[in-house]
N, C-alpha and C. Protein backbone atom coordinates (compact mmCIF):
# COMPACT_ATOMS: atom_id res chain seq x y z
N MET A 1 -19.90 -14.16 21.41
CA MET A 1 -18.68 -13.37 21.30
C MET A 1 -18.08 -13.43 19.89
N GLU A 2 -18.35 -14.54 19.21
CA GLU A 2 -17.74 -14.69 17.89
C GLU A 2 -18.20 -13.60 16.92
N TRP A 3 -19.45 -13.22 16.98
CA TRP A 3 -19.93 -12.19 16.05
C TRP A 3 -19.30 -10.84 16.35
N ILE A 4 -19.01 -10.56 17.62
CA ILE A 4 -18.31 -9.31 17.97
C ILE A 4 -16.90 -9.34 17.38
N ALA A 5 -16.26 -10.49 17.48
CA ALA A 5 -14.91 -10.63 16.91
C ALA A 5 -14.94 -10.39 15.40
N TRP A 6 -15.96 -10.93 14.73
CA TRP A 6 -16.07 -10.73 13.27
C TRP A 6 -16.31 -9.26 12.93
N ILE A 7 -17.15 -8.59 13.70
CA ILE A 7 -17.42 -7.18 13.44
C ILE A 7 -16.16 -6.34 13.61
N VAL A 8 -15.45 -6.56 14.70
CA VAL A 8 -14.22 -5.79 14.96
C VAL A 8 -13.18 -6.06 13.88
N ALA A 9 -12.97 -7.32 13.56
CA ALA A 9 -11.99 -7.67 12.52
C ALA A 9 -12.40 -7.05 11.18
N SER A 10 -13.68 -7.12 10.86
CA SER A 10 -14.16 -6.55 9.59
C SER A 10 -13.95 -5.05 9.52
N LEU A 11 -14.16 -4.35 10.63
CA LEU A 11 -13.92 -2.91 10.66
C LEU A 11 -12.44 -2.60 10.40
N PHE A 12 -11.58 -3.39 10.99
CA PHE A 12 -10.15 -3.20 10.74
C PHE A 12 -9.81 -3.47 9.28
N PHE A 13 -10.44 -4.48 8.68
CA PHE A 13 -10.19 -4.79 7.27
C PHE A 13 -10.65 -3.64 6.37
N VAL A 14 -11.79 -3.04 6.70
CA VAL A 14 -12.30 -1.90 5.92
C VAL A 14 -11.31 -0.74 5.97
N VAL A 15 -10.80 -0.45 7.16
CA VAL A 15 -9.81 0.62 7.30
C VAL A 15 -8.56 0.29 6.48
N ALA A 16 -8.17 -0.98 6.47
CA ALA A 16 -7.01 -1.40 5.68
C ALA A 16 -7.22 -1.10 4.19
N PHE A 17 -8.41 -1.34 3.69
CA PHE A 17 -8.68 -1.06 2.27
C PHE A 17 -8.75 0.44 2.00
N ILE A 18 -9.18 1.21 2.96
CA ILE A 18 -9.13 2.67 2.82
C ILE A 18 -7.67 3.11 2.71
N GLY A 19 -6.79 2.39 3.40
CA GLY A 19 -5.36 2.68 3.33
C GLY A 19 -4.76 2.50 1.95
N LEU A 20 -5.43 1.79 1.07
CA LEU A 20 -4.95 1.69 -0.31
C LEU A 20 -5.04 3.05 -1.01
N ILE A 21 -6.03 3.84 -0.61
CA ILE A 21 -6.23 5.15 -1.23
C ILE A 21 -5.51 6.24 -0.44
N TYR A 22 -5.45 6.08 0.87
CA TYR A 22 -4.73 7.04 1.71
C TYR A 22 -3.52 6.32 2.33
N PRO A 23 -2.37 6.43 1.70
CA PRO A 23 -1.21 5.63 2.12
C PRO A 23 -0.66 5.96 3.50
N VAL A 24 -1.15 7.01 4.14
CA VAL A 24 -0.69 7.27 5.51
C VAL A 24 -1.34 6.28 6.49
N ILE A 25 -2.38 5.58 6.05
CA ILE A 25 -2.99 4.52 6.86
C ILE A 25 -2.22 3.24 6.53
N PRO A 26 -1.56 2.66 7.52
CA PRO A 26 -0.77 1.44 7.26
C PRO A 26 -1.67 0.21 7.09
N SER A 27 -2.04 -0.06 5.87
CA SER A 27 -3.00 -1.13 5.57
C SER A 27 -2.64 -2.46 6.20
N VAL A 28 -1.41 -2.86 6.02
CA VAL A 28 -1.01 -4.18 6.50
C VAL A 28 -1.11 -4.27 8.02
N LEU A 29 -0.87 -3.19 8.72
CA LEU A 29 -0.99 -3.23 10.18
C LEU A 29 -2.45 -3.37 10.61
N PHE A 30 -3.36 -2.80 9.84
CA PHE A 30 -4.78 -2.96 10.16
C PHE A 30 -5.26 -4.38 9.85
N ILE A 31 -4.72 -4.98 8.81
CA ILE A 31 -5.06 -6.38 8.51
C ILE A 31 -4.61 -7.26 9.68
N ILE A 32 -3.34 -7.12 10.07
CA ILE A 32 -2.80 -7.91 11.18
C ILE A 32 -3.55 -7.58 12.48
N GLY A 33 -3.86 -6.30 12.67
CA GLY A 33 -4.63 -5.90 13.84
C GLY A 33 -6.00 -6.58 13.89
N GLY A 34 -6.64 -6.72 12.74
CA GLY A 34 -7.92 -7.43 12.68
C GLY A 34 -7.77 -8.88 13.10
N PHE A 35 -6.68 -9.52 12.64
CA PHE A 35 -6.43 -10.91 13.04
C PHE A 35 -6.22 -11.01 14.55
N LEU A 36 -5.40 -10.10 15.08
CA LEU A 36 -5.07 -10.15 16.51
C LEU A 36 -6.29 -9.87 17.37
N LEU A 37 -7.08 -8.87 17.00
CA LEU A 37 -8.28 -8.57 17.79
C LEU A 37 -9.29 -9.71 17.73
N TYR A 38 -9.41 -10.32 16.56
CA TYR A 38 -10.29 -11.49 16.46
C TYR A 38 -9.84 -12.56 17.45
N GLY A 39 -8.53 -12.81 17.44
CA GLY A 39 -7.99 -13.83 18.34
C GLY A 39 -8.18 -13.48 19.80
N LEU A 40 -8.01 -12.20 20.14
CA LEU A 40 -8.18 -11.78 21.53
C LEU A 40 -9.64 -11.90 21.98
N ILE A 41 -10.56 -11.55 21.10
CA ILE A 41 -11.99 -11.58 21.46
C ILE A 41 -12.53 -13.01 21.43
N ASP A 42 -12.19 -13.76 20.40
CA ASP A 42 -12.74 -15.11 20.26
C ASP A 42 -11.72 -16.14 20.75
N THR A 43 -10.79 -16.48 19.90
CA THR A 43 -9.76 -17.44 20.30
C THR A 43 -8.67 -17.49 19.23
N PHE A 44 -7.47 -17.74 19.68
CA PHE A 44 -6.34 -17.90 18.75
C PHE A 44 -6.16 -19.36 18.33
N SER A 45 -6.99 -20.25 18.84
CA SER A 45 -6.78 -21.68 18.64
C SER A 45 -6.73 -22.10 17.17
N SER A 46 -7.50 -21.44 16.33
CA SER A 46 -7.50 -21.82 14.91
C SER A 46 -6.39 -21.16 14.11
N MET A 47 -5.68 -20.22 14.74
CA MET A 47 -4.60 -19.52 14.05
C MET A 47 -3.25 -20.00 14.58
N GLY A 48 -2.80 -21.13 14.05
CA GLY A 48 -1.54 -21.72 14.50
C GLY A 48 -0.33 -21.15 13.79
N TRP A 49 0.78 -21.85 13.92
CA TRP A 49 2.04 -21.38 13.35
C TRP A 49 1.98 -21.29 11.84
N LEU A 50 1.26 -22.19 11.15
CA LEU A 50 1.17 -22.14 9.70
C LEU A 50 0.45 -20.86 9.25
N PHE A 51 -0.65 -20.55 9.92
CA PHE A 51 -1.38 -19.32 9.61
C PHE A 51 -0.47 -18.10 9.73
N TRP A 52 0.22 -17.99 10.87
CA TRP A 52 1.05 -16.80 11.11
C TRP A 52 2.26 -16.76 10.19
N THR A 53 2.79 -17.89 9.80
CA THR A 53 3.92 -17.92 8.85
C THR A 53 3.47 -17.41 7.49
N ILE A 54 2.33 -17.88 7.03
CA ILE A 54 1.79 -17.43 5.74
C ILE A 54 1.52 -15.92 5.79
N GLN A 55 0.89 -15.47 6.86
CA GLN A 55 0.56 -14.05 6.97
C GLN A 55 1.82 -13.19 7.07
N LEU A 56 2.85 -13.68 7.73
CA LEU A 56 4.11 -12.94 7.82
C LEU A 56 4.73 -12.76 6.44
N LEU A 57 4.70 -13.80 5.63
CA LEU A 57 5.25 -13.70 4.27
C LEU A 57 4.47 -12.69 3.44
N PHE A 58 3.16 -12.71 3.54
CA PHE A 58 2.34 -11.73 2.82
C PHE A 58 2.56 -10.31 3.35
N THR A 59 2.79 -10.19 4.65
CA THR A 59 3.05 -8.88 5.24
C THR A 59 4.34 -8.29 4.68
N ILE A 60 5.37 -9.10 4.60
CA ILE A 60 6.64 -8.64 4.02
C ILE A 60 6.43 -8.22 2.57
N LEU A 61 5.65 -8.99 1.83
CA LEU A 61 5.34 -8.64 0.44
C LEU A 61 4.62 -7.30 0.36
N LEU A 62 3.67 -7.06 1.24
CA LEU A 62 2.93 -5.80 1.22
C LEU A 62 3.82 -4.61 1.55
N PHE A 63 4.72 -4.76 2.51
CA PHE A 63 5.62 -3.66 2.85
C PHE A 63 6.50 -3.28 1.67
N GLY A 64 6.92 -4.27 0.91
CA GLY A 64 7.80 -3.99 -0.22
C GLY A 64 7.07 -3.59 -1.50
N ALA A 65 5.79 -3.90 -1.61
CA ALA A 65 5.06 -3.68 -2.86
C ALA A 65 5.05 -2.22 -3.30
N ASP A 66 4.79 -1.31 -2.37
CA ASP A 66 4.76 0.11 -2.73
C ASP A 66 6.07 0.58 -3.31
N THR A 67 7.12 0.35 -2.58
CA THR A 67 8.43 0.84 -2.98
C THR A 67 8.88 0.20 -4.28
N ILE A 68 8.74 -1.09 -4.38
CA ILE A 68 9.21 -1.80 -5.58
C ILE A 68 8.42 -1.37 -6.80
N ALA A 69 7.09 -1.33 -6.72
CA ALA A 69 6.27 -0.95 -7.86
C ALA A 69 6.54 0.49 -8.29
N ASN A 70 6.67 1.38 -7.32
CA ASN A 70 6.91 2.78 -7.63
C ASN A 70 8.27 2.96 -8.32
N LEU A 71 9.30 2.38 -7.73
CA LEU A 71 10.63 2.51 -8.32
C LEU A 71 10.71 1.84 -9.69
N PHE A 72 10.05 0.69 -9.82
CA PHE A 72 10.05 0.00 -11.12
C PHE A 72 9.39 0.87 -12.18
N GLY A 73 8.24 1.47 -11.83
CA GLY A 73 7.55 2.33 -12.80
C GLY A 73 8.40 3.52 -13.20
N ILE A 74 9.05 4.14 -12.24
CA ILE A 74 9.89 5.31 -12.54
C ILE A 74 11.09 4.90 -13.38
N LYS A 75 11.77 3.82 -12.98
CA LYS A 75 12.96 3.36 -13.73
C LYS A 75 12.57 2.92 -15.14
N ARG A 76 11.42 2.28 -15.25
CA ARG A 76 10.96 1.79 -16.57
C ARG A 76 10.75 2.95 -17.54
N PHE A 77 10.40 4.11 -17.01
CA PHE A 77 10.16 5.28 -17.84
C PHE A 77 11.37 6.22 -17.84
N GLY A 78 12.51 5.71 -17.40
CA GLY A 78 13.76 6.48 -17.50
C GLY A 78 14.03 7.43 -16.38
N GLY A 79 13.31 7.34 -15.28
CA GLY A 79 13.51 8.25 -14.16
C GLY A 79 14.66 7.81 -13.27
N SER A 80 14.96 8.62 -12.27
CA SER A 80 16.08 8.35 -11.37
C SER A 80 15.57 8.07 -9.96
N ASN A 81 16.50 7.83 -9.05
CA ASN A 81 16.14 7.64 -7.64
C ASN A 81 15.50 8.90 -7.07
N ALA A 82 15.95 10.06 -7.55
CA ALA A 82 15.36 11.33 -7.09
C ALA A 82 13.87 11.35 -7.42
N GLY A 83 13.51 10.87 -8.60
CA GLY A 83 12.10 10.78 -8.97
C GLY A 83 11.33 9.86 -8.04
N GLY A 84 11.97 8.77 -7.62
CA GLY A 84 11.34 7.84 -6.68
C GLY A 84 11.08 8.49 -5.34
N TRP A 85 12.07 9.23 -4.84
CA TRP A 85 11.88 9.92 -3.57
C TRP A 85 10.83 11.02 -3.70
N GLY A 86 10.87 11.75 -4.78
CA GLY A 86 9.89 12.81 -5.00
C GLY A 86 8.48 12.25 -5.07
N SER A 87 8.36 11.12 -5.73
CA SER A 87 7.06 10.47 -5.84
C SER A 87 6.54 10.03 -4.48
N THR A 88 7.42 9.48 -3.67
CA THR A 88 7.02 9.03 -2.33
C THR A 88 6.57 10.21 -1.47
N ILE A 89 7.31 11.29 -1.54
CA ILE A 89 6.92 12.49 -0.78
C ILE A 89 5.58 13.02 -1.29
N GLY A 90 5.42 13.05 -2.61
CA GLY A 90 4.15 13.50 -3.18
C GLY A 90 2.99 12.60 -2.81
N LEU A 91 3.27 11.30 -2.68
CA LEU A 91 2.23 10.35 -2.30
C LEU A 91 1.76 10.58 -0.88
N LEU A 92 2.67 10.98 -0.01
CA LEU A 92 2.30 11.23 1.38
C LEU A 92 1.63 12.58 1.58
N ILE A 93 2.05 13.57 0.80
CA ILE A 93 1.53 14.93 0.97
C ILE A 93 0.28 15.19 0.11
N GLY A 94 0.26 14.64 -1.09
CA GLY A 94 -0.79 14.91 -2.06
C GLY A 94 -2.22 14.81 -1.56
N PRO A 95 -2.59 13.71 -0.87
CA PRO A 95 -3.98 13.57 -0.42
C PRO A 95 -4.42 14.64 0.57
N PHE A 96 -3.46 15.24 1.29
CA PHE A 96 -3.81 16.26 2.26
C PHE A 96 -3.92 17.64 1.63
N VAL A 97 -3.13 17.86 0.59
CA VAL A 97 -3.15 19.16 -0.09
C VAL A 97 -4.33 19.23 -1.06
N ILE A 98 -4.54 18.17 -1.80
CA ILE A 98 -5.63 18.10 -2.78
C ILE A 98 -6.46 16.85 -2.45
N PRO A 99 -7.48 16.97 -1.61
CA PRO A 99 -8.26 15.79 -1.25
C PRO A 99 -8.76 15.04 -2.49
N VAL A 100 -8.79 13.74 -2.40
CA VAL A 100 -9.21 12.79 -3.41
C VAL A 100 -8.23 12.74 -4.59
N ALA A 101 -8.14 13.79 -5.38
CA ALA A 101 -7.26 13.78 -6.57
C ALA A 101 -5.78 13.79 -6.20
N GLY A 102 -5.45 14.23 -5.00
CA GLY A 102 -4.06 14.32 -4.56
C GLY A 102 -3.36 12.98 -4.53
N ILE A 103 -4.11 11.91 -4.39
CA ILE A 103 -3.52 10.58 -4.36
C ILE A 103 -2.88 10.24 -5.70
N LEU A 104 -3.39 10.82 -6.78
CA LEU A 104 -2.81 10.59 -8.11
C LEU A 104 -1.89 11.73 -8.53
N ILE A 105 -2.30 12.94 -8.20
CA ILE A 105 -1.51 14.11 -8.61
C ILE A 105 -0.23 14.23 -7.80
N GLY A 106 -0.27 13.92 -6.50
CA GLY A 106 0.88 14.05 -5.62
C GLY A 106 2.12 13.28 -6.08
N PRO A 107 2.00 11.95 -6.32
CA PRO A 107 3.18 11.20 -6.76
C PRO A 107 3.68 11.68 -8.12
N PHE A 108 2.76 12.01 -9.00
CA PHE A 108 3.14 12.49 -10.33
C PHE A 108 3.96 13.77 -10.22
N LEU A 109 3.42 14.76 -9.51
CA LEU A 109 4.12 16.04 -9.38
C LEU A 109 5.41 15.90 -8.58
N GLY A 110 5.39 15.05 -7.56
CA GLY A 110 6.60 14.83 -6.77
C GLY A 110 7.73 14.29 -7.63
N ALA A 111 7.42 13.33 -8.48
CA ALA A 111 8.45 12.75 -9.36
C ALA A 111 8.92 13.79 -10.38
N VAL A 112 8.00 14.53 -10.96
CA VAL A 112 8.36 15.54 -11.97
C VAL A 112 9.26 16.61 -11.35
N PHE A 113 8.84 17.17 -10.22
CA PHE A 113 9.64 18.23 -9.59
C PHE A 113 11.00 17.73 -9.14
N ALA A 114 11.06 16.52 -8.60
CA ALA A 114 12.35 15.98 -8.17
C ALA A 114 13.29 15.81 -9.36
N GLU A 115 12.76 15.31 -10.46
CA GLU A 115 13.60 15.14 -11.66
C GLU A 115 14.07 16.49 -12.18
N LEU A 116 13.19 17.47 -12.18
CA LEU A 116 13.56 18.79 -12.68
C LEU A 116 14.57 19.48 -11.76
N LEU A 117 14.35 19.42 -10.46
CA LEU A 117 15.18 20.17 -9.52
C LEU A 117 16.48 19.48 -9.14
N ILE A 118 16.44 18.17 -8.96
CA ILE A 118 17.61 17.47 -8.46
C ILE A 118 18.50 16.94 -9.59
N THR A 119 17.89 16.28 -10.55
CA THR A 119 18.71 15.69 -11.63
C THR A 119 18.87 16.63 -12.81
N ARG A 120 18.12 17.73 -12.79
CA ARG A 120 18.16 18.71 -13.88
C ARG A 120 17.76 18.07 -15.23
N ALA A 121 16.86 17.10 -15.14
CA ALA A 121 16.36 16.46 -16.35
C ALA A 121 15.49 17.45 -17.12
N GLY A 122 15.37 17.25 -18.40
CA GLY A 122 14.48 18.08 -19.20
C GLY A 122 13.04 17.81 -18.84
N PHE A 123 12.16 18.72 -19.26
CA PHE A 123 10.75 18.57 -18.90
C PHE A 123 10.16 17.28 -19.45
N LYS A 124 10.53 16.92 -20.66
CA LYS A 124 9.98 15.71 -21.27
C LYS A 124 10.35 14.47 -20.44
N GLN A 125 11.61 14.39 -20.02
CA GLN A 125 12.05 13.24 -19.22
C GLN A 125 11.40 13.27 -17.84
N ALA A 126 11.30 14.45 -17.24
CA ALA A 126 10.67 14.56 -15.93
C ALA A 126 9.20 14.15 -16.01
N PHE A 127 8.52 14.54 -17.08
CA PHE A 127 7.12 14.16 -17.29
C PHE A 127 6.99 12.65 -17.42
N ARG A 128 7.91 12.03 -18.16
CA ARG A 128 7.90 10.57 -18.31
C ARG A 128 8.09 9.89 -16.96
N SER A 129 8.97 10.44 -16.14
CA SER A 129 9.20 9.90 -14.80
C SER A 129 7.92 9.99 -13.97
N GLY A 130 7.21 11.10 -14.09
CA GLY A 130 5.93 11.27 -13.39
C GLY A 130 4.90 10.25 -13.84
N ILE A 131 4.84 10.00 -15.14
CA ILE A 131 3.91 8.98 -15.66
C ILE A 131 4.29 7.61 -15.11
N GLY A 132 5.60 7.31 -15.09
CA GLY A 132 6.06 6.03 -14.53
C GLY A 132 5.68 5.89 -13.07
N SER A 133 5.79 6.98 -12.33
CA SER A 133 5.41 6.98 -10.92
C SER A 133 3.92 6.68 -10.77
N LEU A 134 3.12 7.31 -11.58
CA LEU A 134 1.67 7.10 -11.53
C LEU A 134 1.31 5.66 -11.85
N ILE A 135 1.94 5.11 -12.88
CA ILE A 135 1.69 3.71 -13.26
C ILE A 135 2.16 2.77 -12.14
N GLY A 136 3.32 3.07 -11.56
CA GLY A 136 3.82 2.26 -10.46
C GLY A 136 2.89 2.30 -9.26
N PHE A 137 2.38 3.47 -8.93
CA PHE A 137 1.47 3.60 -7.80
C PHE A 137 0.19 2.80 -8.05
N LEU A 138 -0.41 2.97 -9.21
CA LEU A 138 -1.65 2.27 -9.52
C LEU A 138 -1.44 0.75 -9.53
N THR A 139 -0.30 0.33 -10.03
CA THR A 139 0.02 -1.09 -10.02
C THR A 139 0.13 -1.60 -8.59
N SER A 140 0.79 -0.83 -7.73
CA SER A 140 0.94 -1.27 -6.34
C SER A 140 -0.40 -1.33 -5.63
N VAL A 141 -1.31 -0.42 -5.93
CA VAL A 141 -2.64 -0.44 -5.30
C VAL A 141 -3.36 -1.73 -5.69
N VAL A 142 -3.30 -2.10 -6.96
CA VAL A 142 -3.97 -3.32 -7.41
C VAL A 142 -3.34 -4.54 -6.77
N VAL A 143 -2.00 -4.61 -6.78
CA VAL A 143 -1.30 -5.76 -6.21
C VAL A 143 -1.58 -5.86 -4.71
N LYS A 144 -1.48 -4.75 -4.00
CA LYS A 144 -1.74 -4.77 -2.56
C LYS A 144 -3.18 -5.17 -2.27
N GLY A 145 -4.13 -4.67 -3.06
CA GLY A 145 -5.52 -5.05 -2.87
C GLY A 145 -5.73 -6.54 -3.03
N ILE A 146 -5.11 -7.12 -4.04
CA ILE A 146 -5.23 -8.57 -4.26
C ILE A 146 -4.60 -9.34 -3.11
N VAL A 147 -3.41 -8.93 -2.69
CA VAL A 147 -2.73 -9.62 -1.59
C VAL A 147 -3.56 -9.51 -0.30
N MET A 148 -4.14 -8.36 -0.05
CA MET A 148 -4.96 -8.19 1.15
C MET A 148 -6.20 -9.08 1.10
N ILE A 149 -6.81 -9.20 -0.06
CA ILE A 149 -7.97 -10.10 -0.21
C ILE A 149 -7.54 -11.54 0.06
N VAL A 150 -6.38 -11.93 -0.45
CA VAL A 150 -5.87 -13.28 -0.21
C VAL A 150 -5.61 -13.49 1.28
N MET A 151 -5.01 -12.51 1.94
CA MET A 151 -4.74 -12.62 3.38
C MET A 151 -6.04 -12.81 4.16
N ILE A 152 -7.06 -12.04 3.81
CA ILE A 152 -8.34 -12.16 4.51
C ILE A 152 -8.99 -13.50 4.19
N GLY A 153 -8.85 -13.94 2.93
CA GLY A 153 -9.38 -15.25 2.56
C GLY A 153 -8.72 -16.39 3.35
N ILE A 154 -7.42 -16.30 3.53
CA ILE A 154 -6.70 -17.30 4.34
C ILE A 154 -7.18 -17.26 5.78
N PHE A 155 -7.37 -16.05 6.29
CA PHE A 155 -7.89 -15.87 7.65
C PHE A 155 -9.25 -16.57 7.79
N ILE A 156 -10.14 -16.30 6.86
CA ILE A 156 -11.48 -16.91 6.90
C ILE A 156 -11.38 -18.43 6.83
N PHE A 157 -10.51 -18.92 5.97
CA PHE A 157 -10.31 -20.36 5.83
C PHE A 157 -9.88 -20.99 7.16
N PHE A 158 -8.94 -20.33 7.84
CA PHE A 158 -8.42 -20.90 9.09
C PHE A 158 -9.40 -20.81 10.25
N VAL A 159 -10.17 -19.72 10.33
CA VAL A 159 -11.02 -19.54 11.51
C VAL A 159 -12.43 -20.12 11.37
N THR A 160 -12.82 -20.52 10.16
CA THR A 160 -14.16 -21.10 10.02
C THR A 160 -14.12 -22.60 9.92
């Protein structure tokens, strides 16, 4: 049964990493889902309170990473909250409108259009906000990927 648990958990982890590229897939929920399914199929005995406390802290970090990195990137480049909201909307819509490239183009255009339409910023400032959004998004992908690898590493440490 243990190998079935590993296969199921691994599939959930793969989907979680796909969620780094397609943000509509809640990566952290798939990571936690992999842990839970492993425990249901094999056993929860090796995953005690320390394991779940550590994973809870990392889960909170992952939920905040997107928003914080995106807003930091936009603010660092002189953008406003409107640019942050535009970027978030572009991040959710972009991959569906423009497959593959939409993940990068969506947040950029969302931030630019929001700055132009809502704050009436000039094109140069709106463009800078879009660049900040793009840098923030890419930074969050890297940070989330590292945190997810650490979470899976902790999981492996506890269950083996």
